[in-house]
Amino acid sequence: DVGAGASVIVGDDGIPLVAYVHHPTGTGEASEIRIAQCGDTACTAPGDVVTIAEMHQPSAPPEEGRRFYAETRILMPDDGLPIVVWMEWEEAEEGGAGYLRTYKCSDPKCSSGTLTTVGETAGSELWVAVGPDNRPLVAHRTGDWGGFAIEITKCTNPSCTSTVEAATIEMPEVGWGLAVTVDGTNLPVIAAEI
């Protein structure tokens, strides 16, 4: 188990970029968020791999065999500069307190960029979309089996260095599935399994 939480986009050059969580094989080493670029359009050859963030350490030792976990989402806004958004939490305590973090690439290959810890959050089923304004919209599930909701936040700028709460939608019967997109007028469309 050396990786998890992968998401992929295809750049304007046709080359795929994959954001994922790298789990080190050594003990005592922190997991990392990495971006791998394919060597060709069919992704049959390896390309560059860059580490964009070291993950927060859990406040308490995780259960044996468990790791500090994250879900990643990588998007390609209209500015041609990818952005990676992820939530971190201890897998043993999914749904508890965690962190929302972003990395805005400075170039299409993500060889450098701006890392931001936007703030503390809680939940799972992360989904991110970006509309014509290039400001990501972040949605995730919160609550427990006693009552779920979908929390939606909007980034204040294309680099997502901060967010504003847009809405919380109460959905007591919501399941594990969640998908979000933004239309041409910046209106979000949300689909959830019930």
N, C-alpha and C. Protein backbone atom coordinates (compact mmCIF):
# COMPACT_ATOMS: atom_id res chain seq x y z
N ASP A 1 0.86 -1.19 0.00
CA ASP A 1 0.00 0.00 0.00
C ASP A 1 0.89 1.23 0.00
N VAL A 2 1.15 1.78 -1.18
CA VAL A 2 2.02 2.97 -1.26
C VAL A 2 1.28 4.20 -1.76
N GLY A 3 -0.01 4.08 -2.04
CA GLY A 3 -0.72 5.24 -2.56
C GLY A 3 -2.22 5.08 -2.44
N ALA A 4 -2.93 6.21 -2.54
CA ALA A 4 -4.39 6.19 -2.42
C ALA A 4 -4.93 7.52 -2.89
N GLY A 5 -6.27 7.62 -2.98
CA GLY A 5 -6.93 8.89 -3.22
C GLY A 5 -6.57 9.57 -4.51
N ALA A 6 -6.41 8.81 -5.60
CA ALA A 6 -5.95 9.40 -6.86
C ALA A 6 -7.07 10.10 -7.61
N SER A 7 -6.72 11.16 -8.34
CA SER A 7 -7.61 11.81 -9.30
C SER A 7 -6.77 12.27 -10.48
N VAL A 8 -7.39 12.44 -11.65
CA VAL A 8 -6.62 12.69 -12.86
C VAL A 8 -7.29 13.75 -13.73
N ILE A 9 -6.47 14.54 -14.42
CA ILE A 9 -6.94 15.46 -15.45
C ILE A 9 -6.03 15.30 -16.66
N VAL A 10 -6.47 15.83 -17.78
CA VAL A 10 -5.64 15.87 -18.98
C VAL A 10 -5.35 17.33 -19.29
N GLY A 11 -4.06 17.67 -19.40
CA GLY A 11 -3.67 19.04 -19.66
C GLY A 11 -3.96 19.46 -21.08
N ASP A 12 -3.77 20.73 -21.38
CA ASP A 12 -4.01 21.25 -22.72
C ASP A 12 -3.10 20.60 -23.76
N ASP A 13 -1.97 20.04 -23.29
CA ASP A 13 -1.04 19.36 -24.19
C ASP A 13 -1.40 17.90 -24.40
N GLY A 14 -2.50 17.45 -23.78
CA GLY A 14 -2.93 16.06 -23.92
C GLY A 14 -2.25 15.09 -22.98
N ILE A 15 -1.38 15.58 -22.11
CA ILE A 15 -0.65 14.73 -21.18
C ILE A 15 -1.40 14.66 -19.85
N PRO A 16 -1.74 13.45 -19.36
CA PRO A 16 -2.44 13.33 -18.08
C PRO A 16 -1.57 13.72 -16.89
N LEU A 17 -2.21 14.30 -15.88
CA LEU A 17 -1.60 14.58 -14.59
C LEU A 17 -2.41 13.85 -13.53
N VAL A 18 -1.73 13.17 -12.62
CA VAL A 18 -2.39 12.39 -11.57
C VAL A 18 -1.99 12.94 -10.21
N ALA A 19 -2.95 13.33 -9.40
CA ALA A 19 -2.69 13.72 -8.01
C ALA A 19 -3.05 12.53 -7.12
N TYR A 20 -2.20 12.26 -6.14
CA TYR A 20 -2.47 11.10 -5.28
C TYR A 20 -1.73 11.25 -3.95
N VAL A 21 -2.10 10.37 -3.01
CA VAL A 21 -1.45 10.30 -1.71
C VAL A 21 -0.37 9.23 -1.79
N HIS A 22 0.86 9.60 -1.45
CA HIS A 22 1.97 8.64 -1.40
C HIS A 22 2.20 8.20 0.04
N HIS A 23 2.11 6.89 0.29
CA HIS A 23 2.41 6.34 1.60
C HIS A 23 3.82 5.79 1.59
N PRO A 24 4.72 6.30 2.41
CA PRO A 24 6.09 5.77 2.44
C PRO A 24 6.12 4.37 3.03
N THR A 25 7.14 3.63 2.65
CA THR A 25 7.28 2.26 3.17
C THR A 25 7.97 2.24 4.52
N GLY A 26 8.72 3.29 4.84
CA GLY A 26 9.40 3.34 6.12
C GLY A 26 8.49 3.81 7.24
N THR A 27 8.76 3.35 8.44
CA THR A 27 7.96 3.78 9.59
C THR A 27 8.40 5.16 10.05
N GLY A 28 7.47 5.91 10.58
CA GLY A 28 7.78 7.23 11.10
C GLY A 28 7.88 8.31 10.05
N GLU A 29 7.64 7.98 8.78
CA GLU A 29 7.68 8.97 7.71
C GLU A 29 6.27 9.45 7.41
N ALA A 30 6.16 10.74 7.08
CA ALA A 30 4.85 11.32 6.79
C ALA A 30 4.41 10.96 5.36
N SER A 31 3.11 10.77 5.19
CA SER A 31 2.57 10.60 3.85
C SER A 31 2.63 11.94 3.12
N GLU A 32 2.59 11.89 1.79
CA GLU A 32 2.74 13.10 0.99
C GLU A 32 1.67 13.15 -0.10
N ILE A 33 1.35 14.38 -0.53
CA ILE A 33 0.54 14.58 -1.71
C ILE A 33 1.49 14.78 -2.88
N ARG A 34 1.32 14.00 -3.94
CA ARG A 34 2.20 14.08 -5.09
C ARG A 34 1.40 14.25 -6.38
N ILE A 35 2.08 14.79 -7.39
CA ILE A 35 1.51 14.90 -8.73
C ILE A 35 2.46 14.18 -9.69
N ALA A 36 1.92 13.22 -10.43
CA ALA A 36 2.70 12.49 -11.43
C ALA A 36 2.23 12.91 -12.81
N GLN A 37 3.18 13.20 -13.67
CA GLN A 37 2.86 13.53 -15.06
C GLN A 37 3.23 12.34 -15.94
N CYS A 38 2.32 11.93 -16.80
CA CYS A 38 2.61 10.84 -17.72
C CYS A 38 3.65 11.30 -18.75
N GLY A 39 4.38 10.33 -19.30
CA GLY A 39 5.39 10.64 -20.29
C GLY A 39 4.86 10.83 -21.68
N ASP A 40 3.60 10.40 -21.92
CA ASP A 40 2.98 10.57 -23.23
C ASP A 40 1.46 10.61 -23.05
N THR A 41 0.74 10.86 -24.13
CA THR A 41 -0.71 11.03 -24.04
C THR A 41 -1.42 9.74 -23.64
N ALA A 42 -0.85 8.58 -23.97
CA ALA A 42 -1.46 7.30 -23.60
C ALA A 42 -1.05 6.85 -22.20
N CYS A 43 -0.17 7.59 -21.55
CA CYS A 43 0.32 7.27 -20.21
C CYS A 43 0.99 5.90 -20.16
N THR A 44 1.70 5.56 -21.24
CA THR A 44 2.43 4.30 -21.28
C THR A 44 3.88 4.47 -20.85
N ALA A 45 4.32 5.71 -20.64
CA ALA A 45 5.69 5.98 -20.21
C ALA A 45 5.65 6.89 -18.98
N PRO A 46 6.58 6.70 -18.05
CA PRO A 46 6.59 7.55 -16.85
C PRO A 46 7.09 8.95 -17.16
N GLY A 47 6.61 9.89 -16.38
CA GLY A 47 7.07 11.28 -16.49
C GLY A 47 7.56 11.75 -15.14
N ASP A 48 7.53 13.06 -14.94
CA ASP A 48 8.01 13.63 -13.69
C ASP A 48 7.01 13.42 -12.56
N VAL A 49 7.53 13.29 -11.35
CA VAL A 49 6.70 13.21 -10.14
C VAL A 49 7.20 14.28 -9.18
N VAL A 50 6.29 15.12 -8.71
CA VAL A 50 6.65 16.17 -7.76
C VAL A 50 5.84 16.01 -6.49
N THR A 51 6.48 16.26 -5.36
CA THR A 51 5.79 16.27 -4.07
C THR A 51 5.35 17.70 -3.79
N ILE A 52 4.05 17.88 -3.55
CA ILE A 52 3.53 19.24 -3.34
C ILE A 52 3.24 19.54 -1.89
N ALA A 53 3.11 18.50 -1.04
CA ALA A 53 2.81 18.75 0.37
C ALA A 53 3.10 17.51 1.20
N GLU A 54 3.57 17.76 2.41
CA GLU A 54 3.66 16.70 3.42
C GLU A 54 2.39 16.80 4.25
N MET A 55 1.78 15.65 4.52
CA MET A 55 0.49 15.68 5.20
C MET A 55 0.64 15.96 6.69
N HIS A 56 -0.41 16.55 7.28
CA HIS A 56 -0.43 16.77 8.72
C HIS A 56 -0.25 15.45 9.45
N GLN A 57 0.39 15.50 10.57
CA GLN A 57 0.51 14.31 11.40
C GLN A 57 -0.74 14.20 12.27
N PRO A 58 -1.23 12.99 12.49
CA PRO A 58 -2.42 12.83 13.34
C PRO A 58 -2.11 13.25 14.77
N SER A 59 -3.16 13.74 15.47
CA SER A 59 -2.98 14.20 16.84
C SER A 59 -2.79 13.03 17.80
N ALA A 60 -3.18 11.84 17.38
CA ALA A 60 -3.01 10.63 18.19
C ALA A 60 -2.55 9.52 17.27
N PRO A 61 -1.81 8.55 17.78
CA PRO A 61 -1.36 7.46 16.90
C PRO A 61 -2.54 6.74 16.27
N PRO A 62 -2.49 6.50 14.95
CA PRO A 62 -3.58 5.78 14.31
C PRO A 62 -3.60 4.33 14.74
N GLU A 63 -4.73 3.68 14.52
CA GLU A 63 -4.82 2.26 14.82
C GLU A 63 -3.80 1.51 13.99
N GLU A 64 -3.38 0.37 14.49
CA GLU A 64 -2.39 -0.43 13.78
C GLU A 64 -2.86 -0.77 12.37
N GLY A 65 -2.00 -0.53 11.41
CA GLY A 65 -2.34 -0.84 10.03
C GLY A 65 -3.08 0.26 9.31
N ARG A 66 -3.40 1.36 10.01
CA ARG A 66 -4.11 2.46 9.37
C ARG A 66 -3.16 3.64 9.16
N ARG A 67 -3.48 4.47 8.18
CA ARG A 67 -2.64 5.62 7.87
C ARG A 67 -3.49 6.89 7.92
N PHE A 68 -2.80 8.00 7.99
CA PHE A 68 -3.45 9.31 7.87
C PHE A 68 -3.91 9.44 6.43
N TYR A 69 -5.20 9.63 6.20
CA TYR A 69 -5.78 9.46 4.88
C TYR A 69 -6.20 10.80 4.28
N ALA A 70 -6.36 10.83 2.98
CA ALA A 70 -6.83 12.04 2.29
C ALA A 70 -7.56 11.66 1.02
N GLU A 71 -8.48 12.52 0.60
CA GLU A 71 -9.08 12.44 -0.72
C GLU A 71 -8.53 13.61 -1.52
N THR A 72 -8.11 13.37 -2.76
CA THR A 72 -7.58 14.45 -3.59
C THR A 72 -8.48 14.68 -4.79
N ARG A 73 -8.51 15.93 -5.24
CA ARG A 73 -9.17 16.30 -6.49
C ARG A 73 -8.26 17.27 -7.23
N ILE A 74 -7.96 16.97 -8.49
CA ILE A 74 -7.17 17.87 -9.32
C ILE A 74 -8.06 18.38 -10.45
N LEU A 75 -8.01 19.67 -10.71
CA LEU A 75 -8.83 20.29 -11.74
C LEU A 75 -7.97 21.16 -12.64
N MET A 76 -8.48 21.41 -13.84
CA MET A 76 -7.80 22.32 -14.79
C MET A 76 -8.74 23.49 -15.08
N PRO A 77 -8.58 24.62 -14.38
CA PRO A 77 -9.39 25.81 -14.66
C PRO A 77 -9.05 26.40 -16.03
N ASP A 78 -9.81 27.43 -16.40
CA ASP A 78 -9.60 28.07 -17.70
C ASP A 78 -8.25 28.77 -17.81
N ASP A 79 -7.59 29.06 -16.67
CA ASP A 79 -6.29 29.72 -16.75
C ASP A 79 -5.17 28.77 -17.13
N GLY A 80 -5.48 27.46 -17.26
CA GLY A 80 -4.47 26.49 -17.68
C GLY A 80 -3.51 26.08 -16.58
N LEU A 81 -3.75 26.49 -15.34
CA LEU A 81 -2.89 26.15 -14.22
C LEU A 81 -3.66 25.24 -13.27
N PRO A 82 -3.25 23.98 -13.16
CA PRO A 82 -4.00 23.03 -12.32
C PRO A 82 -4.07 23.47 -10.87
N ILE A 83 -5.10 23.00 -10.20
CA ILE A 83 -5.23 23.19 -8.75
C ILE A 83 -5.61 21.84 -8.14
N VAL A 84 -4.99 21.52 -7.02
CA VAL A 84 -5.28 20.30 -6.28
C VAL A 84 -5.93 20.69 -4.97
N VAL A 85 -7.03 20.05 -4.65
CA VAL A 85 -7.75 20.30 -3.39
C VAL A 85 -7.88 18.96 -2.68
N TRP A 86 -7.62 18.95 -1.38
CA TRP A 86 -7.80 17.70 -0.64
C TRP A 86 -8.17 17.96 0.81
N MET A 87 -8.78 16.93 1.41
CA MET A 87 -9.09 16.92 2.84
C MET A 87 -8.25 15.83 3.47
N GLU A 88 -7.78 16.09 4.67
CA GLU A 88 -7.00 15.12 5.42
C GLU A 88 -7.72 14.77 6.71
N TRP A 89 -7.68 13.51 7.10
CA TRP A 89 -8.18 13.10 8.40
C TRP A 89 -7.60 11.73 8.72
N GLU A 90 -7.72 11.33 9.98
CA GLU A 90 -7.29 10.00 10.36
C GLU A 90 -8.35 9.02 9.89
N GLU A 91 -7.92 8.01 9.17
CA GLU A 91 -8.88 7.05 8.62
C GLU A 91 -9.69 6.39 9.72
N ALA A 92 -9.06 6.20 10.87
CA ALA A 92 -9.77 5.57 11.97
C ALA A 92 -10.87 6.45 12.53
N GLU A 93 -10.83 7.74 12.19
CA GLU A 93 -11.83 8.68 12.70
C GLU A 93 -12.46 9.45 11.56
N GLU A 94 -12.77 8.78 10.47
CA GLU A 94 -13.38 9.45 9.32
C GLU A 94 -14.64 10.17 9.76
N GLY A 95 -14.79 11.39 9.29
CA GLY A 95 -15.93 12.21 9.68
C GLY A 95 -15.60 13.14 10.82
N GLY A 96 -14.45 12.94 11.46
CA GLY A 96 -14.03 13.84 12.53
C GLY A 96 -13.34 15.06 11.96
N ALA A 97 -12.68 15.81 12.84
CA ALA A 97 -12.01 17.03 12.42
C ALA A 97 -10.89 16.72 11.43
N GLY A 98 -10.73 17.59 10.47
CA GLY A 98 -9.69 17.41 9.47
C GLY A 98 -9.28 18.76 8.93
N TYR A 99 -8.54 18.74 7.80
CA TYR A 99 -8.04 19.96 7.19
C TYR A 99 -8.42 20.00 5.71
N LEU A 100 -8.78 21.18 5.23
CA LEU A 100 -8.97 21.41 3.81
C LEU A 100 -7.73 22.15 3.32
N ARG A 101 -7.03 21.58 2.31
CA ARG A 101 -5.79 22.16 1.82
C ARG A 101 -5.85 22.28 0.31
N THR A 102 -5.11 23.25 -0.23
CA THR A 102 -5.09 23.46 -1.67
C THR A 102 -3.65 23.71 -2.14
N TYR A 103 -3.42 23.40 -3.41
CA TYR A 103 -2.13 23.68 -4.04
C TYR A 103 -2.43 24.20 -5.44
N LYS A 104 -2.15 25.48 -5.68
CA LYS A 104 -2.36 26.10 -6.98
C LYS A 104 -1.03 26.08 -7.73
N CYS A 105 -1.00 25.37 -8.85
CA CYS A 105 0.23 25.25 -9.63
C CYS A 105 0.58 26.57 -10.32
N SER A 106 1.88 26.85 -10.40
CA SER A 106 2.35 28.06 -11.06
C SER A 106 2.61 27.83 -12.54
N ASP A 107 2.61 26.56 -12.98
CA ASP A 107 2.82 26.22 -14.38
C ASP A 107 2.01 24.96 -14.68
N PRO A 108 1.78 24.67 -15.96
CA PRO A 108 0.92 23.52 -16.31
C PRO A 108 1.43 22.17 -15.83
N LYS A 109 2.74 22.05 -15.56
CA LYS A 109 3.29 20.78 -15.11
C LYS A 109 3.38 20.68 -13.59
N CYS A 110 2.96 21.72 -12.89
CA CYS A 110 2.95 21.75 -11.43
C CYS A 110 4.34 21.57 -10.83
N SER A 111 5.36 22.10 -11.48
CA SER A 111 6.70 22.01 -10.92
C SER A 111 6.88 22.93 -9.73
N SER A 112 5.99 23.91 -9.57
CA SER A 112 5.98 24.78 -8.40
C SER A 112 4.56 25.31 -8.22
N GLY A 113 4.29 25.90 -7.05
CA GLY A 113 2.95 26.41 -6.80
C GLY A 113 2.82 26.96 -5.40
N THR A 114 1.58 27.26 -5.02
CA THR A 114 1.27 27.84 -3.72
C THR A 114 0.44 26.86 -2.90
N LEU A 115 0.97 26.48 -1.73
CA LEU A 115 0.28 25.56 -0.81
C LEU A 115 -0.43 26.36 0.26
N THR A 116 -1.71 26.03 0.49
CA THR A 116 -2.50 26.74 1.51
C THR A 116 -3.28 25.73 2.33
N THR A 117 -3.23 25.87 3.65
CA THR A 117 -4.15 25.16 4.52
C THR A 117 -5.32 26.11 4.75
N VAL A 118 -6.43 25.83 4.08
CA VAL A 118 -7.56 26.76 4.10
C VAL A 118 -8.19 26.83 5.48
N GLY A 119 -8.27 25.69 6.17
CA GLY A 119 -8.86 25.69 7.50
C GLY A 119 -9.26 24.31 7.92
N GLU A 120 -9.78 24.21 9.14
CA GLU A 120 -10.25 22.93 9.64
C GLU A 120 -11.64 22.65 9.10
N THR A 121 -11.90 21.38 8.88
CA THR A 121 -13.20 20.97 8.37
C THR A 121 -13.49 19.58 8.88
N ALA A 122 -14.64 19.07 8.55
CA ALA A 122 -15.01 17.71 8.94
C ALA A 122 -15.88 17.14 7.84
N GLY A 123 -15.75 15.86 7.60
CA GLY A 123 -16.60 15.24 6.61
C GLY A 123 -15.85 14.29 5.71
N SER A 124 -16.52 13.89 4.65
CA SER A 124 -15.93 12.96 3.68
C SER A 124 -16.61 13.18 2.34
N GLU A 125 -16.30 12.32 1.36
CA GLU A 125 -16.88 12.42 0.03
C GLU A 125 -16.60 13.78 -0.59
N LEU A 126 -15.33 14.16 -0.64
CA LEU A 126 -14.93 15.45 -1.20
C LEU A 126 -15.19 15.48 -2.71
N TRP A 127 -15.73 16.61 -3.17
CA TRP A 127 -15.88 16.84 -4.60
C TRP A 127 -15.64 18.31 -4.87
N VAL A 128 -14.96 18.60 -5.99
CA VAL A 128 -14.60 19.98 -6.32
C VAL A 128 -14.92 20.23 -7.78
N ALA A 129 -15.43 21.40 -8.09
CA ALA A 129 -15.70 21.81 -9.47
C ALA A 129 -15.29 23.26 -9.63
N VAL A 130 -15.04 23.66 -10.87
CA VAL A 130 -14.66 25.04 -11.13
C VAL A 130 -15.43 25.54 -12.34
N GLY A 131 -15.96 26.76 -12.23
CA GLY A 131 -16.75 27.34 -13.31
C GLY A 131 -16.00 28.43 -14.05
N PRO A 132 -16.71 29.25 -14.81
CA PRO A 132 -16.09 30.29 -15.62
C PRO A 132 -15.30 31.33 -14.81
N ASP A 133 -15.63 31.50 -13.53
CA ASP A 133 -14.90 32.47 -12.72
C ASP A 133 -13.58 31.93 -12.19
N ASN A 134 -13.26 30.65 -12.49
CA ASN A 134 -12.02 29.99 -12.05
C ASN A 134 -11.90 29.88 -10.54
N ARG A 135 -12.97 30.06 -9.80
CA ARG A 135 -12.95 29.92 -8.34
C ARG A 135 -13.57 28.57 -7.97
N PRO A 136 -12.77 27.64 -7.44
CA PRO A 136 -13.30 26.31 -7.13
C PRO A 136 -14.46 26.33 -6.15
N LEU A 137 -15.39 25.41 -6.36
CA LEU A 137 -16.50 25.16 -5.45
C LEU A 137 -16.24 23.81 -4.81
N VAL A 138 -16.24 23.76 -3.48
CA VAL A 138 -15.90 22.55 -2.75
C VAL A 138 -17.14 22.03 -2.04
N ALA A 139 -17.42 20.74 -2.19
CA ALA A 139 -18.56 20.13 -1.51
C ALA A 139 -18.09 18.86 -0.80
N HIS A 140 -18.64 18.61 0.38
CA HIS A 140 -18.36 17.35 1.06
C HIS A 140 -19.51 17.01 2.01
N ARG A 141 -19.56 15.76 2.36
CA ARG A 141 -20.61 15.26 3.24
C ARG A 141 -20.19 15.46 4.69
N THR A 142 -21.12 15.88 5.54
CA THR A 142 -20.85 16.05 6.96
C THR A 142 -21.92 15.31 7.76
N GLY A 143 -21.68 15.19 9.05
CA GLY A 143 -22.64 14.55 9.92
C GLY A 143 -22.36 13.08 10.14
N ASP A 144 -23.35 12.38 10.68
CA ASP A 144 -23.24 10.94 10.93
C ASP A 144 -24.57 10.30 10.57
N TRP A 145 -24.70 9.02 10.92
CA TRP A 145 -25.92 8.31 10.51
C TRP A 145 -27.17 8.88 11.15
N GLY A 146 -26.99 9.76 12.15
CA GLY A 146 -28.15 10.40 12.74
C GLY A 146 -28.68 11.55 11.92
N GLY A 147 -27.92 12.02 10.93
CA GLY A 147 -28.35 13.12 10.09
C GLY A 147 -27.22 13.67 9.26
N PHE A 148 -27.30 13.49 7.95
CA PHE A 148 -26.25 13.95 7.04
C PHE A 148 -26.62 15.29 6.41
N ALA A 149 -25.60 15.97 5.94
CA ALA A 149 -25.79 17.21 5.19
C ALA A 149 -24.65 17.32 4.19
N ILE A 150 -24.85 18.11 3.15
CA ILE A 150 -23.81 18.42 2.20
C ILE A 150 -23.40 19.87 2.42
N GLU A 151 -22.14 20.07 2.76
CA GLU A 151 -21.63 21.41 3.00
C GLU A 151 -20.91 21.91 1.75
N ILE A 152 -21.25 23.11 1.32
CA ILE A 152 -20.68 23.68 0.11
C ILE A 152 -19.96 24.97 0.47
N THR A 153 -18.72 25.08 0.02
CA THR A 153 -17.96 26.32 0.22
C THR A 153 -17.43 26.78 -1.13
N LYS A 154 -17.25 28.07 -1.26
CA LYS A 154 -16.75 28.67 -2.49
C LYS A 154 -15.42 29.35 -2.20
N CYS A 155 -14.43 29.06 -3.04
CA CYS A 155 -13.13 29.72 -2.89
C CYS A 155 -13.27 31.20 -3.23
N THR A 156 -12.54 32.03 -2.51
CA THR A 156 -12.63 33.47 -2.75
C THR A 156 -11.78 33.93 -3.92
N ASN A 157 -10.88 33.06 -4.39
CA ASN A 157 -10.01 33.41 -5.51
C ASN A 157 -9.59 32.13 -6.24
N PRO A 158 -9.01 32.22 -7.44
CA PRO A 158 -8.66 31.03 -8.20
C PRO A 158 -7.63 30.13 -7.51
N SER A 159 -6.80 30.69 -6.61
CA SER A 159 -5.81 29.87 -5.89
C SER A 159 -6.41 29.20 -4.66
N CYS A 160 -7.63 29.53 -4.31
CA CYS A 160 -8.36 28.97 -3.17
C CYS A 160 -7.56 29.11 -1.87
N THR A 161 -7.02 30.28 -1.63
CA THR A 161 -6.29 30.53 -0.39
C THR A 161 -7.24 30.79 0.78
N SER A 162 -8.53 30.97 0.50
CA SER A 162 -9.55 31.08 1.53
C SER A 162 -10.89 30.74 0.91
N THR A 163 -11.86 30.44 1.75
CA THR A 163 -13.19 30.08 1.26
C THR A 163 -14.26 30.83 2.06
N VAL A 164 -15.43 30.90 1.48
CA VAL A 164 -16.61 31.42 2.18
C VAL A 164 -17.67 30.33 2.13
N GLU A 165 -18.41 30.16 3.23
CA GLU A 165 -19.45 29.16 3.25
C GLU A 165 -20.61 29.61 2.39
N ALA A 166 -20.99 28.77 1.44
CA ALA A 166 -22.07 29.13 0.54
C ALA A 166 -23.40 28.55 1.00
N ALA A 167 -23.39 27.28 1.44
CA ALA A 167 -24.65 26.65 1.80
C ALA A 167 -24.40 25.34 2.52
N THR A 168 -25.37 24.95 3.33
CA THR A 168 -25.40 23.61 3.91
C THR A 168 -26.76 23.02 3.58
N ILE A 169 -26.76 21.90 2.87
CA ILE A 169 -28.00 21.27 2.43
C ILE A 169 -28.26 20.04 3.29
N GLU A 170 -29.34 20.07 4.06
CA GLU A 170 -29.68 18.92 4.90
C GLU A 170 -30.26 17.81 4.04
N MET A 171 -29.64 16.63 4.12
CA MET A 171 -30.09 15.47 3.35
C MET A 171 -29.98 14.25 4.24
N PRO A 172 -30.98 13.99 5.10
CA PRO A 172 -30.89 12.91 6.09
C PRO A 172 -30.62 11.54 5.50
N GLU A 173 -31.03 11.31 4.27
CA GLU A 173 -30.89 9.98 3.68
C GLU A 173 -29.72 9.88 2.72
N VAL A 174 -28.83 10.87 2.70
CA VAL A 174 -27.77 10.87 1.72
C VAL A 174 -26.84 9.68 1.93
N GLY A 175 -26.43 9.06 0.81
CA GLY A 175 -25.55 7.90 0.86
C GLY A 175 -24.11 8.28 0.63
N TRP A 176 -23.33 7.34 0.05
CA TRP A 176 -21.91 7.57 -0.12
C TRP A 176 -21.57 8.37 -1.37
N GLY A 177 -22.43 8.34 -2.38
CA GLY A 177 -22.11 8.99 -3.64
C GLY A 177 -22.36 10.48 -3.61
N LEU A 178 -21.45 11.25 -4.21
CA LEU A 178 -21.60 12.70 -4.31
C LEU A 178 -20.84 13.19 -5.53
N ALA A 179 -21.48 14.04 -6.33
CA ALA A 179 -20.83 14.64 -7.49
C ALA A 179 -21.31 16.08 -7.63
N VAL A 180 -20.40 16.95 -8.05
CA VAL A 180 -20.71 18.38 -8.18
C VAL A 180 -20.12 18.88 -9.49
N THR A 181 -20.84 19.75 -10.17
CA THR A 181 -20.29 20.46 -11.32
C THR A 181 -20.82 21.89 -11.29
N VAL A 182 -20.25 22.74 -12.12
CA VAL A 182 -20.67 24.14 -12.20
C VAL A 182 -20.96 24.45 -13.66
N ASP A 183 -22.11 25.07 -13.93
CA ASP A 183 -22.47 25.34 -15.32
C ASP A 183 -21.84 26.65 -15.82
N GLY A 184 -22.18 27.03 -17.01
CA GLY A 184 -21.58 28.20 -17.64
C GLY A 184 -21.93 29.53 -17.01
N THR A 185 -22.91 29.53 -16.11
CA THR A 185 -23.28 30.76 -15.40
C THR A 185 -22.84 30.73 -13.94
N ASN A 186 -21.95 29.79 -13.59
CA ASN A 186 -21.41 29.62 -12.24
C ASN A 186 -22.43 29.07 -11.25
N LEU A 187 -23.51 28.46 -11.75
CA LEU A 187 -24.48 27.83 -10.84
C LEU A 187 -24.06 26.37 -10.61
N PRO A 188 -24.02 25.93 -9.34
CA PRO A 188 -23.63 24.54 -9.07
C PRO A 188 -24.77 23.56 -9.32
N VAL A 189 -24.41 22.36 -9.72
CA VAL A 189 -25.34 21.25 -9.87
C VAL A 189 -24.80 20.12 -9.02
N ILE A 190 -25.61 19.60 -8.11
CA ILE A 190 -25.17 18.61 -7.15
C ILE A 190 -26.00 17.33 -7.32
N ALA A 191 -25.32 16.21 -7.35
CA ALA A 191 -25.99 14.91 -7.39
C ALA A 191 -25.51 14.10 -6.19
N ALA A 192 -26.44 13.49 -5.48
CA ALA A 192 -26.07 12.68 -4.30
C ALA A 192 -26.91 11.41 -4.27
N GLU A 193 -26.28 10.35 -3.83
CA GLU A 193 -27.00 9.08 -3.67
C GLU A 193 -27.85 9.14 -2.42
N ILE A 194 -29.10 8.74 -2.54
CA ILE A 194 -30.03 8.75 -1.41
C ILE A 194 -30.59 7.35 -1.20
